[in-house]
């Protein structure tokens, strides 16, 4: 199994989980909360939160339970922790037995699914995954920069966050619109979501509202 194939499987598994349940978590306040928040109604005694190698649970945590690790296992880092790329590579080795290096990640970034600047005092724990480099940079330079504005009260107080249209688009390697007035770009994304099981959720409205809200501060 190649690292690229593993990345693609994990992206699809997380996206499909979000399609089934919009309360998929991307940030929590503390590792002790991970089991119940990550698995929601599926929490049981088999869910474990464990250390990633020798890394302290104060910085990196793996949460999982038996079954397909693409669906059942994830890695989380404290927002202020700097070695998150090596933490993700260690996670892949620990969970999948796949030894990979930074060179193997060519074309991908290891990214906080929620911009770490949006975590109050950089104290929350954020899920990390491998994201297409070009797509990640495009979202980072547009929406995420706007959404990280300290004027947002949520960026000062909210330690629990769920996946959004924007995070899901980035995860699935969909390029961002240029802004809330880019109707063609928003329609393109809306078609993608509609074709992937979300037509009834009105993705065009959801995307437009998120972009308008964020770009008020640009």
Protein backbone atom coordinates (compact mmCIF):
# COMPACT_ATOMS: atom_id res chain seq x y z
CA UNK A 1 0.00 0.00 0.00
CA UNK A 2 1.39 3.37 -1.01
CA UNK A 3 1.19 6.44 1.20
CA UNK A 4 -0.85 8.22 -1.50
CA UNK A 5 -3.42 5.40 -1.54
CA UNK A 6 -3.66 5.54 2.25
CA UNK A 7 -4.19 9.30 2.16
CA UNK A 8 -6.96 8.98 -0.41
CA UNK A 9 -8.74 6.29 1.59
CA UNK A 10 -8.59 8.34 4.78
CA UNK A 11 -9.89 11.44 3.02
CA UNK A 12 -12.85 9.54 1.58
CA UNK A 13 -13.62 7.79 4.88
CA UNK A 14 -13.74 11.07 6.79
CA UNK A 15 -15.80 12.79 4.10
CA UNK A 16 -18.31 9.92 4.01
CA UNK A 17 -18.58 10.02 7.81
CA UNK A 18 -19.43 13.73 7.60
CA UNK A 19 -22.04 13.10 4.90
CA UNK A 20 -23.70 10.61 7.27
CA UNK A 21 -23.38 12.82 10.34
CA UNK A 22 -22.64 16.57 10.22
CA UNK A 23 -21.42 16.54 13.84
CA UNK A 24 -18.03 15.04 12.95
CA UNK A 25 -15.54 16.75 15.25
CA UNK A 26 -12.34 18.51 14.16
CA UNK A 27 -11.44 20.25 17.45
CA UNK A 28 -11.96 19.40 21.11
CA UNK A 29 -10.74 21.03 24.28
CA UNK A 30 -8.77 18.11 25.75
CA UNK A 31 -7.74 14.53 24.88
CA UNK A 32 -10.01 13.19 27.63
CA UNK A 33 -12.99 14.29 25.50
CA UNK A 34 -11.84 12.60 22.32
CA UNK A 35 -13.49 9.19 22.63
CA UNK A 36 -16.99 10.38 23.33
CA UNK A 37 -16.88 13.31 20.92
CA UNK A 38 -15.23 11.50 18.02
CA UNK A 39 -17.51 8.48 18.16
CA UNK A 40 -20.62 10.27 19.49
CA UNK A 41 -23.35 7.62 19.78
CA UNK A 42 -20.92 4.80 18.97
CA UNK A 43 -18.73 5.23 22.06
CA UNK A 44 -18.09 2.02 24.01
CA UNK A 45 -15.45 0.42 26.16
CA UNK A 46 -13.38 -0.49 23.10
CA UNK A 47 -12.60 3.16 22.29
CA UNK A 48 -9.08 4.08 23.40
CA UNK A 49 -7.12 7.30 23.52
CA UNK A 50 -3.42 6.52 23.46
CA UNK A 51 -0.04 8.13 23.11
CA UNK A 52 1.59 8.51 19.72
CA UNK A 53 4.91 6.79 20.26
CA UNK A 54 6.87 8.59 22.94
CA UNK A 55 5.03 11.86 22.46
CA UNK A 56 3.18 13.22 25.47
CA UNK A 57 -0.61 13.11 25.53
CA UNK A 58 -0.37 16.79 26.31
CA UNK A 59 0.67 17.31 22.68
CA UNK A 60 -0.47 14.36 20.52
CA UNK A 61 -3.22 11.78 20.94
CA UNK A 62 -4.49 8.87 18.87
CA UNK A 63 -8.12 7.86 19.33
CA UNK A 64 -9.53 4.70 17.86
CA UNK A 65 -11.31 1.42 18.24
CA UNK A 66 -11.13 -1.97 16.50
CA UNK A 67 -12.03 -2.10 12.84
CA UNK A 68 -10.97 -0.28 9.71
CA UNK A 69 -8.41 2.35 10.80
CA UNK A 70 -9.38 4.59 7.87
CA UNK A 71 -12.74 5.03 9.60
CA UNK A 72 -11.98 4.29 13.24
CA UNK A 73 -8.62 5.84 14.06
CA UNK A 74 -7.47 9.46 14.01
CA UNK A 75 -4.63 11.60 15.33
CA UNK A 76 -4.99 14.94 17.11
CA UNK A 77 -2.46 17.56 18.17
CA UNK A 78 -2.52 20.51 20.51
CA UNK A 79 -2.97 23.61 18.37
CA UNK A 80 0.28 25.12 19.61
CA UNK A 81 2.32 21.96 18.99
CA UNK A 82 4.84 22.51 16.21
CA UNK A 83 5.93 18.96 15.23
CA UNK A 84 2.59 17.90 13.79
CA UNK A 85 4.04 16.59 10.51
CA UNK A 86 6.28 14.13 12.29
CA UNK A 87 3.35 13.26 14.58
CA UNK A 88 1.23 12.29 11.54
CA UNK A 89 4.04 10.22 10.04
CA UNK A 90 4.46 8.50 13.39
CA UNK A 91 0.73 7.83 13.50
CA UNK A 92 0.86 6.17 10.07
CA UNK A 93 3.73 3.97 11.22
CA UNK A 94 2.07 3.10 14.53
CA UNK A 95 -1.40 2.36 13.16
CA UNK A 96 -0.71 1.08 9.64
CA UNK A 97 2.85 -0.20 9.96
CA UNK A 98 3.83 2.04 7.04
CA UNK A 99 7.15 3.81 7.43
CA UNK A 100 7.14 7.06 5.49
CA UNK A 101 9.29 10.16 5.46
CA UNK A 102 8.73 13.81 4.67
CA UNK A 103 9.93 13.17 1.12
CA UNK A 104 7.09 10.68 0.67
CA UNK A 105 4.65 13.50 1.40
CA UNK A 106 5.59 15.39 -1.79
CA UNK A 107 2.45 17.11 -3.06
CA UNK A 108 0.73 17.03 0.34
CA UNK A 109 0.67 19.10 3.51
CA UNK A 110 -0.08 17.70 6.93
CA UNK A 111 -2.73 20.16 7.96
CA UNK A 112 -4.90 21.06 10.92
CA UNK A 113 -8.42 20.53 9.63
CA UNK A 114 -9.38 23.66 11.55
CA UNK A 115 -6.87 26.49 11.25
CA UNK A 116 -4.90 26.45 14.49
CA UNK A 117 -5.25 30.24 14.69
CA UNK A 118 -8.95 29.64 15.36
CA UNK A 119 -8.26 27.67 18.56
CA UNK A 120 -8.47 29.89 21.67
CA UNK A 121 -4.95 30.44 22.99
CA UNK A 122 -3.86 27.58 20.67
CA UNK A 123 -4.87 25.22 23.45
CA UNK A 124 -7.46 23.00 21.77
CA UNK A 125 -6.76 19.62 20.15
CA UNK A 126 -7.25 19.59 16.37
CA UNK A 127 -7.44 16.62 14.03
CA UNK A 128 -4.69 16.52 11.39
CA UNK A 129 -4.75 14.85 7.99
CA UNK A 130 -2.78 14.95 4.75
CA UNK A 131 -4.22 17.48 2.28
CA UNK A 132 -3.29 18.25 -1.31
CA UNK A 133 -0.62 20.97 -1.16
CA UNK A 134 -1.98 23.28 -3.86
CA UNK A 135 -5.56 23.07 -2.60
CA UNK A 136 -4.48 23.59 0.99
CA UNK A 137 -2.48 26.69 0.10
CA UNK A 138 -5.36 28.10 -1.93
CA UNK A 139 -7.85 27.75 0.92
CA UNK A 140 -5.31 29.05 3.40
CA UNK A 141 -4.73 32.21 1.41
CA UNK A 142 -8.42 32.94 0.99
CA UNK A 143 -11.11 31.68 3.34
CA UNK A 144 -8.95 30.50 6.24
CA UNK A 145 -7.10 33.77 6.50
CA UNK A 146 -10.42 35.60 6.75
CA UNK A 147 -12.01 33.11 9.15
CA UNK A 148 -9.03 33.34 11.51
CA UNK A 149 -9.63 37.01 12.20
CA UNK A 150 -9.45 37.58 15.97
CA UNK A 151 -12.64 39.66 15.74
CA UNK A 152 -14.63 36.44 15.55
CA UNK A 153 -15.82 35.72 19.07
CA UNK A 154 -15.75 31.98 18.35
CA UNK A 155 -11.98 32.17 17.85
CA UNK A 156 -11.69 33.40 21.43
CA UNK A 157 -14.07 31.01 23.17
CA UNK A 158 -14.97 27.83 21.23
CA UNK A 159 -12.92 24.72 21.88
CA UNK A 160 -15.31 22.31 20.19
CA UNK A 161 -15.75 22.54 16.42
CA UNK A 162 -17.34 20.30 13.81
CA UNK A 163 -16.53 19.84 10.15
CA UNK A 164 -17.86 22.43 7.74
CA UNK A 165 -18.48 22.79 4.03
CA UNK A 166 -15.11 24.48 3.76
CA UNK A 167 -13.16 21.79 5.60
CA UNK A 168 -14.88 19.04 3.62
CA UNK A 169 -14.08 20.77 0.32
CA UNK A 170 -10.43 21.14 1.25
CA UNK A 171 -10.25 17.52 2.41
CA UNK A 172 -11.63 16.33 -0.92
CA UNK A 173 -9.15 18.43 -2.93
CA UNK A 174 -11.71 20.92 -4.22
CA UNK A 175 -10.30 24.36 -5.04
CA UNK A 176 -11.91 27.37 -3.32
CA UNK A 177 -14.09 30.04 -4.87
CA UNK A 178 -12.46 33.47 -5.04
CA UNK A 179 -14.99 34.84 -2.57
CA UNK A 180 -18.73 35.18 -1.90
CA UNK A 181 -19.30 36.81 -5.30
CA UNK A 182 -17.63 34.01 -7.25
CA UNK A 183 -20.92 32.41 -8.26
CA UNK A 184 -19.29 30.05 -10.74
CA UNK A 185 -16.84 28.76 -8.12
CA UNK A 186 -19.59 28.30 -5.53
CA UNK A 187 -21.79 26.50 -8.07
CA UNK A 188 -18.90 24.17 -8.94
CA UNK A 189 -18.49 23.22 -5.29
CA UNK A 190 -22.24 22.88 -4.79
CA UNK A 191 -22.38 20.40 -7.69
CA UNK A 192 -19.58 18.38 -6.12
CA UNK A 193 -21.42 18.14 -2.81
CA UNK A 194 -24.74 17.36 -4.49
CA UNK A 195 -23.11 14.54 -6.45
CA UNK A 196 -21.72 13.14 -3.20
CA UNK A 197 -24.95 12.75 -1.26
CA UNK A 198 -25.63 16.28 0.01
CA UNK A 199 -28.10 17.67 -2.54
CA UNK A 200 -30.86 17.93 0.08
CA UNK A 201 -28.66 20.04 2.39
CA UNK A 202 -28.54 23.00 -0.02
CA UNK A 203 -24.74 23.23 -0.32
CA UNK A 204 -24.90 26.40 -2.43
CA UNK A 205 -26.60 28.30 0.39
CA UNK A 206 -24.29 26.86 3.04
CA UNK A 207 -21.15 27.76 1.12
CA UNK A 208 -22.36 31.24 0.24
CA UNK A 209 -23.28 32.06 3.83
CA UNK A 210 -19.92 30.86 5.17
CA UNK A 211 -18.01 32.90 2.61
CA UNK A 212 -20.06 36.05 3.22
CA UNK A 213 -19.58 35.76 6.96
CA UNK A 214 -15.82 35.28 6.74
CA UNK A 215 -15.19 37.96 4.12
CA UNK A 216 -16.85 40.70 6.15
CA UNK A 217 -13.44 41.20 7.74
CA UNK A 218 -11.33 41.29 4.58
